Amino acid sequence: VDKHRPNQLKNLSYHSATTARLTSLAADPASLPHLLFYGPSGSGKKTRIMALLRAIYGPGAERLRLDKRTFTTPTKRTVEVNMISSNYHVEISPGDAGLNDRYVVQEVIKEMAANRSLAAGGVLGGGGGDEKDGKKKGVGYKVVILVEVDRLSRQAQAALRRTMEKYAAGCRLILCCNNQSKVIEPIRSRCLGMRVPSPSHDDICTVLKTVARKEGVTLPDELAINIARSSSRNMRRAMLTLESCHVQQRDTSGGGAMTADQTVQKTDWELYISQLAAEITREQSPQRLLAARERLYELLINCIPADVIIKTLA
């Protein structure tokens, strides 16, 4: 999936109006406001965020490292959170900290605002900013990317609102969520909203054909349409399904090309939910209720979100 992910705004293949807005913002990074990207999973929010950072800071924003940070709460509890960072930004999912999410949010923003690197402050040259001559644009802040903001508790969101006001001069926040209605109004009003809707079936087919052409693989139009329809307009899922179809055909036919009548396989968790639905409709009894509960627990243990389970069952 990441191999063919566009890393520059000019290479984004759909939602041209959103791309134009981001290009305009990147042209004047000193005036960049806090941003709130919202839209369904797999619509391209993260891709556009990273392309925006590349436009502001240059290739240096793509030199990522994975860190594990430990935070200490006022009650002396320790919380470990994984962070993805570069010299210019840090990405974190504070919802992973559970009830301690507000402490993680506050500490990360404070630290980023207080420890602005020389590179982010526009003192050093090379590795960012204007890619043509390697000079910096004088960006005097770092960026904090908070993903799944809609999972934050109300207390954490209130703390985020206070912190983003206090440290606005030292860092910019880029918030990312699936459902903006779960983000409190004071935060939404302090951010420029960037809606990223799901790509259309035609958009997905175009991207799939482009990827197949780059990989030297023949993708029939009928199969591309079937993949797009089965993906629920989720670009990430469509890309993974394309790879799965290619591997499946290669294993069964000894390297043969994909065919128009090839079956698009469902994921294991979807098949598991289908079995659960069949069992529920076949028999309603206390024993069946216990068995269904065990299946639900199994899905939750394997990180299938509860809302996705209910939506698929419906």
C-alpha atoms as a PDB file:
ATOM      1  CA  VAL A   1       0.000   0.000   0.000  1.00  0.00           C
ATOM      2  CA  ASP A   2       2.720   2.482   0.986  1.00  0.00           C
ATOM      3  CA  LYS A   3       4.822   1.709  -2.081  1.00  0.00           C
ATOM      4  CA  HIS A   4       2.475   3.614  -4.387  1.00  0.00           C
ATOM      5  CA  ARG A   5       1.263   6.233  -1.900  1.00  0.00           C
ATOM      6  CA  PRO A   6       1.662   9.739  -3.424  1.00  0.00           C
ATOM      7  CA  ASN A   7       4.092  11.867  -1.421  1.00  0.00           C
ATOM      8  CA  GLN A   8       3.515  15.208  -3.146  1.00  0.00           C
ATOM      9  CA  LEU A   9       0.374  17.277  -3.520  1.00  0.00           C
ATOM     10  CA  LYS A  10       0.716  17.413  -7.303  1.00  0.00           C
ATOM     11  CA  ASN A  11       0.582  13.609  -7.477  1.00  0.00           C
ATOM     12  CA  LEU A  12      -2.737  13.217  -5.637  1.00  0.00           C
ATOM     13  CA  SER A  13      -5.208  11.599  -7.990  1.00  0.00           C
ATOM     14  CA  TYR A  14      -8.640  12.682  -6.697  1.00  0.00           C
ATOM     15  CA  HIS A  15     -10.366  15.388  -4.626  1.00  0.00           C
ATOM     16  CA  SER A  16      -8.748  18.142  -6.692  1.00  0.00           C
ATOM     17  CA  ALA A  17     -10.530  20.930  -4.792  1.00  0.00           C
ATOM     18  CA  THR A  18      -9.029  19.774  -1.488  1.00  0.00           C
ATOM     19  CA  THR A  19      -5.618  19.469  -3.128  1.00  0.00           C
ATOM     20  CA  ALA A  20      -5.878  23.052  -4.393  1.00  0.00           C
ATOM     21  CA  ARG A  21      -6.670  24.301  -0.861  1.00  0.00           C
ATOM     22  CA  LEU A  22      -3.710  22.422   0.590  1.00  0.00           C
ATOM     23  CA  THR A  23      -1.409  23.760  -2.112  1.00  0.00           C
ATOM     24  CA  SER A  24      -2.523  27.284  -1.269  1.00  0.00           C
ATOM     25  CA  LEU A  25      -1.858  26.703   2.444  1.00  0.00           C
ATOM     26  CA  ALA A  26       1.596  25.251   1.749  1.00  0.00           C
ATOM     27  CA  ALA A  27       2.517  28.322  -0.308  1.00  0.00           C
ATOM     28  CA  ASP A  28       2.299  30.466   2.852  1.00  0.00           C
ATOM     29  CA  PRO A  29       3.348  28.172   5.720  1.00  0.00           C
ATOM     30  CA  ALA A  30       3.779  31.033   8.188  1.00  0.00           C
ATOM     31  CA  SER A  31       0.003  31.560   8.095  1.00  0.00           C
ATOM     32  CA  LEU A  32      -0.907  27.886   8.407  1.00  0.00           C
ATOM     33  CA  PRO A  33      -3.790  27.451  10.885  1.00  0.00           C
ATOM     34  CA  HIS A  34      -4.604  24.381  12.921  1.00  0.00           C
ATOM     35  CA  LEU A  35      -6.226  21.830  10.612  1.00  0.00           C
ATOM     36  CA  LEU A  36      -8.924  19.223  11.159  1.00  0.00           C
ATOM     37  CA  PHE A  37      -9.024  16.464   8.544  1.00  0.00           C
ATOM     38  CA  TYR A  38     -12.185  14.393   8.722  1.00  0.00           C
ATOM     39  CA  GLY A  39     -13.690  11.695   6.559  1.00  0.00           C
ATOM     40  CA  PRO A  40     -14.223   7.927   6.363  1.00  0.00           C
ATOM     41  CA  SER A  41     -11.420   5.444   6.850  1.00  0.00           C
ATOM     42  CA  GLY A  42      -9.399   4.868   3.700  1.00  0.00           C
ATOM     43  CA  SER A  43     -10.396   8.149   2.051  1.00  0.00           C
ATOM     44  CA  GLY A  44      -6.842   9.539   1.925  1.00  0.00           C
ATOM     45  CA  LYS A  45      -6.612  11.825   4.964  1.00  0.00           C
ATOM     46  CA  LYS A  46      -3.181  10.657   6.099  1.00  0.00           C
ATOM     47  CA  THR A  47      -1.804  10.747   2.544  1.00  0.00           C
ATOM     48  CA  ARG A  48      -2.828  14.380   2.179  1.00  0.00           C
ATOM     49  CA  ILE A  49      -1.412  15.304   5.568  1.00  0.00           C
ATOM     50  CA  MET A  50       1.987  13.844   4.706  1.00  0.00           C
ATOM     51  CA  ALA A  51       1.948  15.491   1.276  1.00  0.00           C
ATOM     52  CA  LEU A  52       1.242  18.830   2.971  1.00  0.00           C
ATOM     53  CA  LEU A  53       4.188  18.347   5.344  1.00  0.00           C
ATOM     54  CA  ARG A  54       6.393  17.487   2.378  1.00  0.00           C
ATOM     55  CA  ALA A  55       5.304  20.698   0.648  1.00  0.00           C
ATOM     56  CA  ILE A  56       6.116  22.758   3.759  1.00  0.00           C
ATOM     57  CA  TYR A  57       9.313  21.123   5.015  1.00  0.00           C
ATOM     58  CA  GLY A  58      10.610  19.222   2.003  1.00  0.00           C
ATOM     59  CA  PRO A  59      11.920  15.617   1.879  1.00  0.00           C
ATOM     60  CA  GLY A  60      13.095  15.807   5.492  1.00  0.00           C
ATOM     61  CA  ALA A  61       9.502  15.324   6.644  1.00  0.00           C
ATOM     62  CA  GLU A  62       9.580  11.822   5.139  1.00  0.00           C
ATOM     63  CA  ARG A  63      12.573  10.633   7.163  1.00  0.00           C
ATOM     64  CA  LEU A  64      10.500   8.946   9.827  1.00  0.00           C
ATOM     65  CA  ARG A  65      11.449   7.073  12.957  1.00  0.00           C
ATOM     66  CA  LEU A  66       9.366   5.076  15.399  1.00  0.00           C
ATOM     67  CA  ASP A  67       9.750   5.966  19.061  1.00  0.00           C
ATOM     68  CA  LYS A  68       8.178   4.638  22.228  1.00  0.00           C
ATOM     69  CA  ARG A  69       7.621   7.353  24.799  1.00  0.00           C
ATOM     70  CA  THR A  70       6.802   6.960  28.465  1.00  0.00           C
ATOM     71  CA  PHE A  71       4.681   9.601  30.189  1.00  0.00           C
ATOM     72  CA  THR A  72       4.131   9.954  33.924  1.00  0.00           C
ATOM     73  CA  THR A  73       0.713  11.105  35.107  1.00  0.00           C
ATOM     74  CA  PRO A  74       0.173  13.260  38.229  1.00  0.00           C
ATOM     75  CA  THR A  75      -0.835  10.058  40.033  1.00  0.00           C
ATOM     76  CA  LYS A  76       2.640   8.610  39.250  1.00  0.00           C
ATOM     77  CA  ARG A  77       1.309   6.121  36.733  1.00  0.00           C
ATOM     78  CA  THR A  78       3.388   5.494  33.618  1.00  0.00           C
ATOM     79  CA  VAL A  79       1.844   5.384  30.158  1.00  0.00           C
ATOM     80  CA  GLU A  80       3.674   4.088  27.086  1.00  0.00           C
ATOM     81  CA  VAL A  81       2.675   5.451  23.679  1.00  0.00           C
ATOM     82  CA  ASN A  82       4.146   4.798  20.238  1.00  0.00           C
ATOM     83  CA  MET A  83       5.081   7.886  18.233  1.00  0.00           C
ATOM     84  CA  ILE A  84       6.134   8.409  14.616  1.00  0.00           C
ATOM     85  CA  SER A  85       8.304  11.474  14.184  1.00  0.00           C
ATOM     86  CA  SER A  86      10.708  13.388  11.972  1.00  0.00           C
ATOM     87  CA  ASN A  87      12.771  16.502  12.651  1.00  0.00           C
ATOM     88  CA  TYR A  88       9.712  18.588  11.858  1.00  0.00           C
ATOM     89  CA  HIS A  89       6.678  16.763  13.191  1.00  0.00           C
ATOM     90  CA  VAL A  90       5.407  14.065  15.507  1.00  0.00           C
ATOM     91  CA  GLU A  91       2.416  11.789  14.983  1.00  0.00           C
ATOM     92  CA  ILE A  92       0.630  10.187  17.893  1.00  0.00           C
ATOM     93  CA  SER A  93      -2.646   8.451  18.674  1.00  0.00           C
ATOM     94  CA  PRO A  94      -3.421   9.651  22.210  1.00  0.00           C
ATOM     95  CA  GLY A  95      -6.512   7.474  22.372  1.00  0.00           C
ATOM     96  CA  ASP A  96      -4.166   4.517  22.905  1.00  0.00           C
ATOM     97  CA  ALA A  97      -3.426   5.884  26.373  1.00  0.00           C
ATOM     98  CA  GLY A  98      -6.976   5.188  27.522  1.00  0.00           C
ATOM     99  CA  LEU A  99      -8.106   7.261  30.494  1.00  0.00           C
ATOM    100  CA  ASN A 100      -4.742   9.038  30.610  1.00  0.00           C
ATOM    101  CA  ASP A 101      -5.111  10.508  27.117  1.00  0.00           C
ATOM    102  CA  ARG A 102      -5.349  14.108  28.311  1.00  0.00           C
ATOM    103  CA  TYR A 103      -1.941  13.960  29.999  1.00  0.00           C
ATOM    104  CA  VAL A 104      -0.358  12.565  26.846  1.00  0.00           C
ATOM    105  CA  VAL A 105      -1.907  15.293  24.687  1.00  0.00           C
ATOM    106  CA  GLN A 106      -0.730  18.089  26.966  1.00  0.00           C
ATOM    107  CA  GLU A 107       2.797  16.770  27.408  1.00  0.00           C
ATOM    108  CA  VAL A 108       3.402  16.138  23.703  1.00  0.00           C
ATOM    109  CA  ILE A 109       2.258  19.604  22.657  1.00  0.00           C
ATOM    110  CA  LYS A 110       4.223  21.304  25.450  1.00  0.00           C
ATOM    111  CA  GLU A 111       7.367  19.417  24.527  1.00  0.00           C
ATOM    112  CA  MET A 112       7.069  20.121  20.805  1.00  0.00           C
ATOM    113  CA  ALA A 113       6.434  23.822  21.389  1.00  0.00           C
ATOM    114  CA  ALA A 114       9.308  24.166  23.848  1.00  0.00           C
ATOM    115  CA  ASN A 115      11.872  22.147  21.894  1.00  0.00           C
ATOM    116  CA  ARG A 116      11.577  23.557  18.415  1.00  0.00           C
ATOM    117  CA  SER A 117      14.573  22.332  16.445  1.00  0.00           C
ATOM    118  CA  LEU A 118      16.816  24.723  14.558  1.00  0.00           C
ATOM    119  CA  ALA A 119      15.746  23.078  11.323  1.00  0.00           C
ATOM    120  CA  ALA A 120      12.070  23.727  11.999  1.00  0.00           C
ATOM    121  CA  GLY A 121      12.851  27.264  13.038  1.00  0.00           C
ATOM    122  CA  GLY A 122      14.288  28.099   9.657  1.00  0.00           C
ATOM    123  CA  VAL A 123      17.925  28.503  10.757  1.00  0.00           C
ATOM    124  CA  LEU A 124      19.493  25.533   9.034  1.00  0.00           C
ATOM    125  CA  GLY A 125      19.467  24.936   5.296  1.00  0.00           C
ATOM    126  CA  GLY A 126      18.904  21.774   3.346  1.00  0.00           C
ATOM    127  CA  GLY A 127      16.539  18.868   3.839  1.00  0.00           C
ATOM    128  CA  GLY A 128      13.315  20.836   3.813  1.00  0.00           C
ATOM    129  CA  GLY A 129      11.384  23.867   2.695  1.00  0.00           C
ATOM    130  CA  ASP A 130      11.812  24.850  -0.934  1.00  0.00           C
ATOM    131  CA  GLU A 131      12.917  21.718  -2.783  1.00  0.00           C
ATOM    132  CA  LYS A 132      14.313  23.616  -5.787  1.00  0.00           C
ATOM    133  CA  ASP A 133      17.199  25.305  -4.050  1.00  0.00           C
ATOM    134  CA  GLY A 134      17.233  23.586  -0.645  1.00  0.00           C
ATOM    135  CA  LYS A 135      16.640  26.839   1.255  1.00  0.00           C
ATOM    136  CA  LYS A 136      14.282  27.058   4.146  1.00  0.00           C
ATOM    137  CA  LYS A 137      11.066  29.030   4.058  1.00  0.00           C
ATOM    138  CA  GLY A 138      11.556  30.196   7.633  1.00  0.00           C
ATOM    139  CA  VAL A 139       8.896  27.954   9.161  1.00  0.00           C
ATOM    140  CA  GLY A 140       9.065  28.743  12.862  1.00  0.00           C
ATOM    141  CA  TYR A 141       7.041  25.879  14.253  1.00  0.00           C
ATOM    142  CA  LYS A 142       6.736  22.122  14.433  1.00  0.00           C
ATOM    143  CA  VAL A 143       3.626  20.112  13.622  1.00  0.00           C
ATOM    144  CA  VAL A 144       1.811  17.731  15.963  1.00  0.00           C
ATOM    145  CA  ILE A 145      -0.439  15.212  14.198  1.00  0.00           C
ATOM    146  CA  LEU A 146      -3.117  13.730  16.442  1.00  0.00           C
ATOM    147  CA  VAL A 147      -4.935  10.819  14.819  1.00  0.00           C
ATOM    148  CA  GLU A 148      -8.288   9.400  15.882  1.00  0.00           C
ATOM    149  CA  VAL A 149      -9.137  12.579  17.763  1.00  0.00           C
ATOM    150  CA  ASP A 150     -12.763  11.455  17.865  1.00  0.00           C
ATOM    151  CA  ARG A 151     -11.673   8.679  20.260  1.00  0.00           C
ATOM    152  CA  LEU A 152     -10.418  11.170  22.859  1.00  0.00           C
ATOM    153  CA  SER A 153     -12.360  11.568  26.074  1.00  0.00           C
ATOM    154  CA  ARG A 154     -14.198  14.834  26.728  1.00  0.00           C
ATOM    155  CA  GLN A 155     -11.627  15.748  29.368  1.00  0.00           C
ATOM    156  CA  ALA A 156      -8.794  15.192  26.902  1.00  0.00           C
ATOM    157  CA  GLN A 157     -10.525  17.281  24.251  1.00  0.00           C
ATOM    158  CA  ALA A 158     -11.031  20.113  26.738  1.00  0.00           C
ATOM    159  CA  ALA A 159      -7.351  19.910  27.689  1.00  0.00           C
ATOM    160  CA  LEU A 160      -6.425  19.896  24.007  1.00  0.00           C
ATOM    161  CA  ARG A 161      -8.447  23.057  23.429  1.00  0.00           C
ATOM    162  CA  ARG A 162      -6.644  24.896  26.228  1.00  0.00           C
ATOM    163  CA  THR A 163      -3.211  23.644  25.189  1.00  0.00           C
ATOM    164  CA  MET A 164      -3.588  24.451  21.484  1.00  0.00           C
ATOM    165  CA  GLU A 165      -4.375  28.067  22.380  1.00  0.00           C
ATOM    166  CA  LYS A 166      -1.442  28.416  24.757  1.00  0.00           C
ATOM    167  CA  TYR A 167       1.221  26.975  22.446  1.00  0.00           C
ATOM    168  CA  ALA A 168      -0.063  28.119  19.047  1.00  0.00           C
ATOM    169  CA  ALA A 169       3.110  30.119  18.391  1.00  0.00           C
ATOM    170  CA  GLY A 170       5.415  27.132  18.776  1.00  0.00           C
ATOM    171  CA  CYS A 171       3.508  24.381  17.011  1.00  0.00           C
ATOM    172  CA  ARG A 172       0.618  23.708  14.680  1.00  0.00           C
ATOM    173  CA  LEU A 173      -1.871  20.917  15.236  1.00  0.00           C
ATOM    174  CA  ILE A 174      -3.192  18.703  12.465  1.00  0.00           C
ATOM    175  CA  LEU A 175      -6.086  16.669  13.808  1.00  0.00           C
ATOM    176  CA  CYS A 176      -7.383  13.609  12.011  1.00  0.00           C
ATOM    177  CA  CYS A 177     -10.654  11.789  12.662  1.00  0.00           C
ATOM    178  CA  ASN A 178     -13.407   9.788  10.998  1.00  0.00           C
ATOM    179  CA  ASN A 179     -16.350  11.548  12.635  1.00  0.00           C
ATOM    180  CA  GLN A 180     -16.047  15.248  13.377  1.00  0.00           C
ATOM    181  CA  SER A 181     -19.339  15.283  15.285  1.00  0.00           C
ATOM    182  CA  LYS A 182     -17.501  13.513  18.131  1.00  0.00           C
ATOM    183  CA  VAL A 183     -15.037  16.402  18.378  1.00  0.00           C
ATOM    184  CA  ILE A 184     -16.181  19.205  20.669  1.00  0.00           C
ATOM    185  CA  GLU A 185     -17.225  22.475  19.062  1.00  0.00           C
ATOM    186  CA  PRO A 186     -14.472  24.624  20.704  1.00  0.00           C
ATOM    187  CA  ILE A 187     -11.836  22.513  18.935  1.00  0.00           C
ATOM    188  CA  ARG A 188     -13.661  22.489  15.596  1.00  0.00           C
ATOM    189  CA  SER A 189     -14.037  26.262  15.700  1.00  0.00           C
ATOM    190  CA  ARG A 190     -10.283  26.722  16.204  1.00  0.00           C
ATOM    191  CA  CYS A 191      -9.340  24.569  13.207  1.00  0.00           C
ATOM    192  CA  LEU A 192      -9.740  24.873   9.480  1.00  0.00           C
ATOM    193  CA  GLY A 193     -11.871  21.898   8.495  1.00  0.00           C
ATOM    194  CA  MET A 194     -10.659  19.760   5.587  1.00  0.00           C
ATOM    195  CA  ARG A 195     -13.296  17.242   4.554  1.00  0.00           C
ATOM    196  CA  VAL A 196     -11.903  14.228   2.700  1.00  0.00           C
ATOM    197  CA  PRO A 197     -14.846  12.143   1.435  1.00  0.00           C
ATOM    198  CA  SER A 198     -14.562   8.567   0.269  1.00  0.00           C
ATOM    199  CA  PRO A 199     -13.304   8.199  -3.310  1.00  0.00           C
ATOM    200  CA  SER A 200     -15.851   7.217  -5.939  1.00  0.00           C
ATOM    201  CA  HIS A 201     -15.770   3.816  -7.623  1.00  0.00           C
ATOM    202  CA  ASP A 202     -14.344   5.479 -10.735  1.00  0.00           C
ATOM    203  CA  ASP A 203     -11.569   7.083  -8.665  1.00  0.00           C
ATOM    204  CA  ILE A 204     -10.687   3.717  -7.139  1.00  0.00           C
ATOM    205  CA  CYS A 205     -10.669   1.990 -10.543  1.00  0.00           C
ATOM    206  CA  THR A 206      -8.355   4.666 -11.937  1.00  0.00           C
ATOM    207  CA  VAL A 207      -5.894   4.268  -9.062  1.00  0.00           C
ATOM    208  CA  LEU A 208      -6.004   0.463  -9.274  1.00  0.00           C
ATOM    209  CA  LYS A 209      -5.237   0.519 -12.998  1.00  0.00           C
ATOM    210  CA  THR A 210      -2.380   2.959 -12.438  1.00  0.00           C
ATOM    211  CA  VAL A 211      -0.850   0.746  -9.749  1.00  0.00           C
ATOM    212  CA  ALA A 212      -1.298  -2.385 -11.868  1.00  0.00           C
ATOM    213  CA  ARG A 213       0.402  -0.686 -14.811  1.00  0.00           C
ATOM    214  CA  LYS A 214       3.365   0.345 -12.646  1.00  0.00           C
ATOM    215  CA  GLU A 215       3.696  -3.229 -11.387  1.00  0.00           C
ATOM    216  CA  GLY A 216       3.456  -4.657 -14.906  1.00  0.00           C
ATOM    217  CA  VAL A 217       0.243  -6.537 -14.079  1.00  0.00           C
ATOM    218  CA  THR A 218      -2.796  -6.851 -16.340  1.00  0.00           C
ATOM    219  CA  LEU A 219      -5.968  -5.764 -14.537  1.00  0.00           C
ATOM    220  CA  PRO A 220      -9.247  -6.413 -16.426  1.00  0.00           C
ATOM    221  CA  ASP A 221     -11.823  -3.625 -16.186  1.00  0.00           C
ATOM    222  CA  GLU A 222     -14.452  -6.000 -14.790  1.00  0.00           C
ATOM    223  CA  LEU A 223     -12.180  -7.118 -11.958  1.00  0.00           C
ATOM    224  CA  ALA A 224     -11.235  -3.515 -11.138  1.00  0.00           C
ATOM    225  CA  ILE A 225     -14.933  -2.647 -10.855  1.00  0.00           C
ATOM    226  CA  ASN A 226     -15.602  -5.670  -8.622  1.00  0.00           C
ATOM    227  CA  ILE A 227     -12.706  -4.723  -6.344  1.00  0.00           C
ATOM    228  CA  ALA A 228     -13.930  -1.121  -6.125  1.00  0.00           C
ATOM    229  CA  ARG A 229     -17.456  -2.226  -5.235  1.00  0.00           C
ATOM    230  CA  SER A 230     -16.293  -4.715  -2.612  1.00  0.00           C
ATOM    231  CA  SER A 231     -13.999  -2.173  -0.954  1.00  0.00           C
ATOM    232  CA  SER A 232     -16.849  -0.015   0.400  1.00  0.00           C
ATOM    233  CA  ARG A 233     -15.080   2.981  -1.205  1.00  0.00           C
ATOM    234  CA  ASN A 234     -12.041   2.440   1.013  1.00  0.00           C
ATOM    235  CA  MET A 235      -8.896   3.071  -1.048  1.00  0.00           C
ATOM    236  CA  ARG A 236      -6.583   1.258   1.363  1.00  0.00           C
ATOM    237  CA  ARG A 237      -8.801  -1.796   1.340  1.00  0.00           C
ATOM    238  CA  ALA A 238      -9.050  -1.726  -2.463  1.00  0.00           C
ATOM    239  CA  MET A 239      -5.258  -1.699  -2.773  1.00  0.00           C
ATOM    240  CA  LEU A 240      -4.904  -4.632  -0.384  1.00  0.00           C
ATOM    241  CA  THR A 241      -7.634  -6.530  -2.254  1.00  0.00           C
ATOM    242  CA  LEU A 242      -5.814  -5.972  -5.543  1.00  0.00           C
ATOM    243  CA  GLU A 243      -2.650  -7.404  -4.038  1.00  0.00           C
ATOM    244  CA  SER A 244      -4.609 -10.346  -2.625  1.00  0.00           C
ATOM    245  CA  CYS A 245      -6.194 -11.086  -6.021  1.00  0.00           C
ATOM    246  CA  HIS A 246      -2.800 -10.991  -7.710  1.00  0.00           C
ATOM    247  CA  VAL A 247      -1.240 -13.354  -5.158  1.00  0.00           C
ATOM    248  CA  GLN A 248      -4.247 -15.678  -5.314  1.00  0.00           C
ATOM    249  CA  GLN A 249      -4.107 -15.944  -9.110  1.00  0.00           C
ATOM    250  CA  ARG A 250      -0.332 -16.365  -9.082  1.00  0.00           C
ATOM    251  CA  ASP A 251      -0.544 -19.235  -6.613  1.00  0.00           C
ATOM    252  CA  THR A 252      -3.441 -21.043  -8.309  1.00  0.00           C
ATOM    253  CA  SER A 253      -2.398 -20.655 -11.940  1.00  0.00           C
ATOM    254  CA  GLY A 254       1.363 -20.632 -11.584  1.00  0.00           C
ATOM    255  CA  GLY A 255       1.910 -16.971 -12.403  1.00  0.00           C
ATOM    256  CA  GLY A 256      -1.034 -16.431 -14.746  1.00  0.00           C
ATOM    257  CA  ALA A 257      -2.651 -13.041 -15.272  1.00  0.00           C
ATOM    258  CA  MET A 258      -5.710 -11.946 -13.330  1.00  0.00           C
ATOM    259  CA  THR A 259      -9.018 -12.695 -15.053  1.00  0.00           C
ATOM    260  CA  ALA A 260     -12.271 -10.763 -15.361  1.00  0.00           C
ATOM    261  CA  ASP A 261     -14.291 -13.517 -13.651  1.00  0.00           C
ATOM    262  CA  GLN A 262     -11.878 -13.908 -10.743  1.00  0.00           C
ATOM    263  CA  THR A 263     -13.546 -14.041  -7.338  1.00  0.00           C
ATOM    264  CA  VAL A 264     -12.838 -11.171  -4.961  1.00  0.00           C
ATOM    265  CA  GLN A 265     -12.210 -12.800  -1.608  1.00  0.00           C
ATOM    266  CA  LYS A 266     -13.706 -11.337   1.546  1.00  0.00           C
ATOM    267  CA  THR A 267     -11.509 -10.763   4.572  1.00  0.00           C
ATOM    268  CA  ASP A 268     -11.420 -13.348   7.352  1.00  0.00           C
ATOM    269  CA  TRP A 269     -13.237 -11.115   9.803  1.00  0.00           C
ATOM    270  CA  GLU A 270     -16.053 -10.486   7.315  1.00  0.00           C
ATOM    271  CA  LEU A 271     -16.495 -14.225   6.807  1.00  0.00           C
ATOM    272  CA  TYR A 272     -16.469 -14.659  10.585  1.00  0.00           C
ATOM    273  CA  ILE A 273     -19.238 -12.066  10.987  1.00  0.00           C
ATOM    274  CA  SER A 274     -21.240 -13.712   8.183  1.00  0.00           C
ATOM    275  CA  GLN A 275     -21.070 -17.000  10.088  1.00  0.00           C
ATOM    276  CA  LEU A 276     -22.185 -15.195  13.243  1.00  0.00           C
ATOM    277  CA  ALA A 277     -25.164 -13.647  11.429  1.00  0.00           C
ATOM    278  CA  ALA A 278     -26.164 -17.034  10.005  1.00  0.00           C
ATOM    279  CA  GLU A 279     -26.062 -18.639  13.454  1.00  0.00           C
ATOM    280  CA  ILE A 280     -28.140 -15.845  15.002  1.00  0.00           C
ATOM    281  CA  THR A 281     -30.867 -16.100  12.348  1.00  0.00           C
ATOM    282  CA  ARG A 282     -30.907 -19.910  12.442  1.00  0.00           C
ATOM    283  CA  GLU A 283     -31.595 -20.250  16.160  1.00  0.00           C
ATOM    284  CA  GLN A 284     -32.496 -17.917  19.016  1.00  0.00           C
ATOM    285  CA  SER A 285     -31.754 -19.572  22.349  1.00  0.00           C
ATOM    286  CA  PRO A 286     -29.696 -18.953  25.494  1.00  0.00           C
ATOM    287  CA  GLN A 287     -27.034 -21.348  24.194  1.00  0.00           C
ATOM    288  CA  ARG A 288     -26.839 -19.520  20.877  1.00  0.00           C
ATOM    289  CA  LEU A 289     -26.616 -16.195  22.729  1.00  0.00           C
ATOM    290  CA  LEU A 290     -23.578 -17.414  24.664  1.00  0.00           C
ATOM    291  CA  ALA A 291     -21.940 -18.666  21.468  1.00  0.00           C
ATOM    292  CA  ALA A 292     -22.617 -15.338  19.725  1.00  0.00           C
ATOM    293  CA  ARG A 293     -21.098 -13.462  22.650  1.00  0.00           C
ATOM    294  CA  GLU A 294     -17.942 -15.568  22.385  1.00  0.00           C
ATOM    295  CA  ARG A 295     -17.672 -14.718  18.687  1.00  0.00           C
ATOM    296  CA  LEU A 296     -18.119 -11.013  19.443  1.00  0.00           C
ATOM    297  CA  TYR A 297     -15.363 -11.173  22.056  1.00  0.00           C
ATOM    298  CA  GLU A 298     -13.102 -12.910  19.537  1.00  0.00           C
ATOM    299  CA  LEU A 299     -13.654 -10.126  17.010  1.00  0.00           C
ATOM    300  CA  LEU A 300     -12.978  -7.413  19.589  1.00  0.00           C
ATOM    301  CA  ILE A 301      -9.802  -9.161  20.771  1.00  0.00           C
ATOM    302  CA  ASN A 302      -8.563  -9.117  17.166  1.00  0.00           C
ATOM    303  CA  CYS A 303      -9.013  -5.319  16.985  1.00  0.00           C
ATOM    304  CA  ILE A 304     -12.198  -5.230  14.905  1.00  0.00           C
ATOM    305  CA  PRO A 305     -14.003  -2.056  16.124  1.00  0.00           C
ATOM    306  CA  ALA A 306     -17.413  -2.575  17.691  1.00  0.00           C
ATOM    307  CA  ASP A 307     -19.122  -0.101  15.349  1.00  0.00           C
ATOM    308  CA  VAL A 308     -17.713  -1.953  12.324  1.00  0.00           C
ATOM    309  CA  ILE A 309     -19.025  -5.258  13.701  1.00  0.00           C
ATOM    310  CA  ILE A 310     -22.530  -3.871  14.222  1.00  0.00           C
ATOM    311  CA  LYS A 311     -22.558  -2.160  10.817  1.00  0.00           C
ATOM    312  CA  THR A 312     -21.449  -5.367   9.071  1.00  0.00           C
ATOM    313  CA  LEU A 313     -24.004  -7.453  10.967  1.00  0.00           C
ATOM    314  CA  ALA A 314     -26.763  -5.063   9.936  1.00  0.00           C
END
